[in-house]
Amino acid sequence: MIDRVARALFNATYGTPPSGNDALWADLWLKEREDFMRKARAAIGAMREPAEDMVDAGDDIDGHTVYDQAASAASHWRAMIDAAMGEK
């Protein structure tokens, strides 16, 4: 996920299409790639805490409110972001 976000940031910066940028990405200096990876980690990390409206939407799925905190949308979201960040 970090690599995917880093490449998206690269594409947004240089205006390259999502496909066909492997050669351009590979041609970056290591320091530039590491900078995009650092920014990607920061962006993903910032998404770790879901916004309240996201929690409400996730907790109220198909009109059924989830009361079990372990099964809440926020808990699932945090676990998914932790996995994307390579954390357990």
N, C-alpha and C. Protein backbone atom coordinates (compact mmCIF):
# COMPACT_ATOMS: atom_id res chain seq x y z
N MET A 1 0.83 -1.19 0.00
CA MET A 1 0.00 0.00 0.00
C MET A 1 0.87 1.25 0.00
N ILE A 2 1.96 1.23 0.77
CA ILE A 2 2.83 2.40 0.81
C ILE A 2 3.39 2.69 -0.58
N ASP A 3 3.81 1.65 -1.29
CA ASP A 3 4.33 1.84 -2.64
C ASP A 3 3.24 2.39 -3.56
N ARG A 4 2.03 1.89 -3.43
CA ARG A 4 0.92 2.35 -4.27
C ARG A 4 0.65 3.84 -4.05
N VAL A 5 0.64 4.25 -2.79
CA VAL A 5 0.39 5.66 -2.48
C VAL A 5 1.58 6.51 -2.93
N ALA A 6 2.80 6.02 -2.75
CA ALA A 6 3.98 6.76 -3.19
C ALA A 6 3.94 6.99 -4.70
N ARG A 7 3.55 5.98 -5.45
CA ARG A 7 3.46 6.14 -6.90
C ARG A 7 2.33 7.10 -7.28
N ALA A 8 1.24 7.08 -6.53
CA ALA A 8 0.14 8.02 -6.79
C ALA A 8 0.60 9.46 -6.54
N LEU A 9 1.37 9.66 -5.48
CA LEU A 9 1.93 10.99 -5.21
C LEU A 9 2.89 11.40 -6.32
N PHE A 10 3.70 10.47 -6.78
CA PHE A 10 4.61 10.71 -7.90
C PHE A 10 3.82 11.13 -9.14
N ASN A 11 2.76 10.38 -9.43
CA ASN A 11 1.91 10.69 -10.59
C ASN A 11 1.28 12.08 -10.45
N ALA A 12 0.81 12.40 -9.26
CA ALA A 12 0.19 13.70 -9.03
C ALA A 12 1.21 14.83 -9.17
N THR A 13 2.43 14.57 -8.76
CA THR A 13 3.48 15.58 -8.83
C THR A 13 3.94 15.83 -10.25
N TYR A 14 4.14 14.74 -11.00
CA TYR A 14 4.71 14.87 -12.34
C TYR A 14 3.69 14.74 -13.47
N GLY A 15 2.42 14.48 -13.11
CA GLY A 15 1.38 14.40 -14.11
C GLY A 15 1.49 13.21 -15.04
N THR A 16 2.14 12.16 -14.57
CA THR A 16 2.29 10.97 -15.39
C THR A 16 1.08 10.07 -15.21
N PRO A 17 0.72 9.31 -16.21
CA PRO A 17 -0.43 8.42 -16.09
C PRO A 17 -0.14 7.28 -15.11
N PRO A 18 -1.18 6.76 -14.46
CA PRO A 18 -0.99 5.66 -13.51
C PRO A 18 -0.31 4.44 -14.12
N SER A 19 -0.61 4.16 -15.38
CA SER A 19 0.04 3.02 -16.02
C SER A 19 1.19 3.55 -16.87
N GLY A 20 2.20 2.75 -17.02
CA GLY A 20 3.31 3.12 -17.86
C GLY A 20 4.32 4.03 -17.21
N ASN A 21 4.27 4.16 -15.88
CA ASN A 21 5.24 5.02 -15.22
C ASN A 21 6.35 4.23 -14.55
N ASP A 22 6.38 2.92 -14.72
CA ASP A 22 7.40 2.11 -14.05
C ASP A 22 8.81 2.55 -14.42
N ALA A 23 9.03 2.88 -15.68
CA ALA A 23 10.37 3.32 -16.10
C ALA A 23 10.71 4.66 -15.46
N LEU A 24 9.73 5.57 -15.43
CA LEU A 24 9.98 6.87 -14.81
C LEU A 24 10.25 6.72 -13.32
N TRP A 25 9.46 5.87 -12.66
CA TRP A 25 9.64 5.61 -11.23
C TRP A 25 11.01 5.00 -10.98
N ALA A 26 11.41 4.05 -11.80
CA ALA A 26 12.70 3.39 -11.65
C ALA A 26 13.86 4.35 -11.89
N ASP A 27 13.64 5.36 -12.72
CA ASP A 27 14.70 6.32 -13.04
C ASP A 27 14.91 7.37 -11.95
N LEU A 28 14.00 7.44 -10.99
CA LEU A 28 14.17 8.41 -9.90
C LEU A 28 15.40 8.06 -9.08
N TRP A 29 16.04 9.09 -8.59
CA TRP A 29 17.13 8.85 -7.65
C TRP A 29 16.54 8.19 -6.40
N LEU A 30 17.32 7.38 -5.74
CA LEU A 30 16.86 6.68 -4.54
C LEU A 30 16.31 7.67 -3.52
N LYS A 31 16.98 8.80 -3.35
CA LYS A 31 16.52 9.80 -2.39
C LYS A 31 15.13 10.31 -2.75
N GLU A 32 14.86 10.50 -4.04
CA GLU A 32 13.53 10.96 -4.46
C GLU A 32 12.47 9.91 -4.19
N ARG A 33 12.76 8.64 -4.49
CA ARG A 33 11.80 7.56 -4.20
C ARG A 33 11.55 7.47 -2.71
N GLU A 34 12.62 7.58 -1.91
CA GLU A 34 12.45 7.53 -0.45
C GLU A 34 11.60 8.68 0.05
N ASP A 35 11.73 9.84 -0.58
CA ASP A 35 10.91 10.99 -0.20
C ASP A 35 9.43 10.71 -0.47
N PHE A 36 9.13 10.16 -1.63
CA PHE A 36 7.74 9.79 -1.93
C PHE A 36 7.23 8.72 -0.97
N MET A 37 8.09 7.77 -0.61
CA MET A 37 7.69 6.72 0.33
C MET A 37 7.41 7.32 1.72
N ARG A 38 8.25 8.27 2.14
CA ARG A 38 8.05 8.94 3.43
C ARG A 38 6.72 9.70 3.43
N LYS A 39 6.45 10.39 2.35
CA LYS A 39 5.19 11.13 2.24
C LYS A 39 3.99 10.18 2.22
N ALA A 40 4.15 9.05 1.57
CA ALA A 40 3.07 8.05 1.53
C ALA A 40 2.79 7.51 2.93
N ARG A 41 3.85 7.21 3.68
CA ARG A 41 3.65 6.73 5.06
C ARG A 41 2.92 7.78 5.89
N ALA A 42 3.29 9.04 5.71
CA ALA A 42 2.63 10.11 6.46
C ALA A 42 1.16 10.23 6.07
N ALA A 43 0.87 10.12 4.78
CA ALA A 43 -0.52 10.22 4.32
C ALA A 43 -1.36 9.07 4.86
N ILE A 44 -0.83 7.86 4.78
CA ILE A 44 -1.56 6.69 5.28
C ILE A 44 -1.73 6.80 6.79
N GLY A 45 -0.67 7.21 7.48
CA GLY A 45 -0.74 7.37 8.93
C GLY A 45 -1.79 8.38 9.34
N ALA A 46 -1.94 9.45 8.55
CA ALA A 46 -2.94 10.48 8.86
C ALA A 46 -4.36 9.95 8.72
N MET A 47 -4.52 8.91 7.91
CA MET A 47 -5.85 8.32 7.70
C MET A 47 -6.19 7.29 8.77
N ARG A 48 -5.28 7.03 9.70
CA ARG A 48 -5.51 5.95 10.66
C ARG A 48 -6.75 6.18 11.52
N GLU A 49 -6.97 7.42 11.92
CA GLU A 49 -8.16 7.73 12.71
C GLU A 49 -9.29 8.13 11.77
N PRO A 50 -10.34 7.33 11.69
CA PRO A 50 -11.44 7.67 10.78
C PRO A 50 -12.19 8.90 11.27
N ALA A 51 -12.73 9.63 10.33
CA ALA A 51 -13.58 10.78 10.67
C ALA A 51 -14.87 10.24 11.29
N GLU A 52 -15.49 11.06 12.11
CA GLU A 52 -16.69 10.62 12.83
C GLU A 52 -17.80 10.17 11.88
N ASP A 53 -17.97 10.86 10.76
CA ASP A 53 -19.03 10.46 9.83
C ASP A 53 -18.71 9.11 9.19
N MET A 54 -17.42 8.80 9.04
CA MET A 54 -17.03 7.50 8.51
C MET A 54 -17.38 6.40 9.52
N VAL A 55 -17.10 6.67 10.80
CA VAL A 55 -17.41 5.69 11.84
C VAL A 55 -18.91 5.45 11.89
N ASP A 56 -19.68 6.54 11.86
CA ASP A 56 -21.14 6.41 11.90
C ASP A 56 -21.64 5.60 10.72
N ALA A 57 -21.11 5.87 9.54
CA ALA A 57 -21.54 5.15 8.34
C ALA A 57 -21.17 3.67 8.44
N GLY A 58 -20.00 3.40 8.94
CA GLY A 58 -19.56 2.01 9.06
C GLY A 58 -20.26 1.25 10.17
N ASP A 59 -20.61 1.96 11.25
CA ASP A 59 -21.30 1.31 12.36
C ASP A 59 -22.76 1.05 12.06
N ASP A 60 -23.30 1.74 11.09
CA ASP A 60 -24.71 1.58 10.73
C ASP A 60 -24.78 0.98 9.32
N ILE A 61 -24.50 -0.30 9.25
CA ILE A 61 -24.47 -1.00 7.97
C ILE A 61 -25.81 -1.70 7.76
N ASP A 62 -26.40 -1.44 6.62
CA ASP A 62 -27.69 -2.03 6.27
C ASP A 62 -28.74 -1.77 7.33
N GLY A 63 -28.66 -0.59 7.96
CA GLY A 63 -29.66 -0.22 8.95
C GLY A 63 -29.50 -0.90 10.29
N HIS A 64 -28.42 -1.64 10.47
CA HIS A 64 -28.17 -2.34 11.74
C HIS A 64 -26.96 -1.71 12.42
N THR A 65 -27.19 -1.17 13.62
CA THR A 65 -26.10 -0.55 14.35
C THR A 65 -25.25 -1.62 14.99
N VAL A 66 -23.94 -1.47 14.85
CA VAL A 66 -22.99 -2.41 15.45
C VAL A 66 -22.67 -1.91 16.85
N TYR A 67 -22.97 -2.71 17.87
CA TYR A 67 -22.74 -2.29 19.24
C TYR A 67 -21.44 -2.84 19.81
N ASP A 68 -20.95 -3.91 19.28
CA ASP A 68 -19.73 -4.54 19.77
C ASP A 68 -18.53 -3.70 19.34
N GLN A 69 -17.82 -3.10 20.30
CA GLN A 69 -16.69 -2.22 19.98
C GLN A 69 -15.64 -2.96 19.16
N ALA A 70 -15.40 -4.23 19.44
CA ALA A 70 -14.40 -4.99 18.71
C ALA A 70 -14.78 -5.13 17.24
N ALA A 71 -16.07 -5.06 16.96
CA ALA A 71 -16.53 -5.23 15.59
C ALA A 71 -16.89 -3.89 14.94
N SER A 72 -16.54 -2.78 15.61
CA SER A 72 -16.94 -1.48 15.07
C SER A 72 -16.15 -1.13 13.82
N ALA A 73 -16.73 -0.25 13.04
CA ALA A 73 -16.08 0.20 11.82
C ALA A 73 -14.74 0.87 12.13
N ALA A 74 -14.68 1.64 13.20
CA ALA A 74 -13.42 2.32 13.55
C ALA A 74 -12.32 1.31 13.86
N SER A 75 -12.66 0.26 14.58
CA SER A 75 -11.66 -0.77 14.89
C SER A 75 -11.18 -1.47 13.64
N HIS A 76 -12.10 -1.77 12.75
CA HIS A 76 -11.73 -2.40 11.49
C HIS A 76 -10.85 -1.46 10.66
N TRP A 77 -11.23 -0.21 10.61
CA TRP A 77 -10.47 0.78 9.84
C TRP A 77 -9.04 0.87 10.35
N ARG A 78 -8.88 1.01 11.68
CA ARG A 78 -7.54 1.10 12.26
C ARG A 78 -6.71 -0.14 11.95
N ALA A 79 -7.33 -1.29 12.05
CA ALA A 79 -6.62 -2.55 11.75
C ALA A 79 -6.17 -2.58 10.29
N MET A 80 -7.02 -2.10 9.40
CA MET A 80 -6.68 -2.10 7.98
C MET A 80 -5.53 -1.11 7.70
N ILE A 81 -5.56 0.05 8.33
CA ILE A 81 -4.48 1.02 8.15
C ILE A 81 -3.19 0.48 8.76
N ASP A 82 -3.28 -0.14 9.95
CA ASP A 82 -2.09 -0.74 10.55
C ASP A 82 -1.48 -1.78 9.62
N ALA A 83 -2.32 -2.58 8.97
CA ALA A 83 -1.82 -3.58 8.04
C ALA A 83 -1.14 -2.91 6.85
N ALA A 84 -1.73 -1.83 6.36
CA ALA A 84 -1.14 -1.10 5.24
C ALA A 84 0.21 -0.50 5.62
N MET A 85 0.34 -0.12 6.87
CA MET A 85 1.60 0.47 7.36
C MET A 85 2.62 -0.59 7.75
N GLY A 86 2.23 -1.87 7.66
CA GLY A 86 3.15 -2.95 8.02
C GLY A 86 3.24 -3.18 9.51
N GLU A 87 2.22 -2.75 10.25
CA GLU A 87 2.20 -2.92 11.69
C GLU A 87 1.25 -4.05 12.05
N LYS A 88 1.44 -4.62 13.20
CA LYS A 88 0.54 -5.67 13.70
C LYS A 88 -0.11 -5.21 14.98
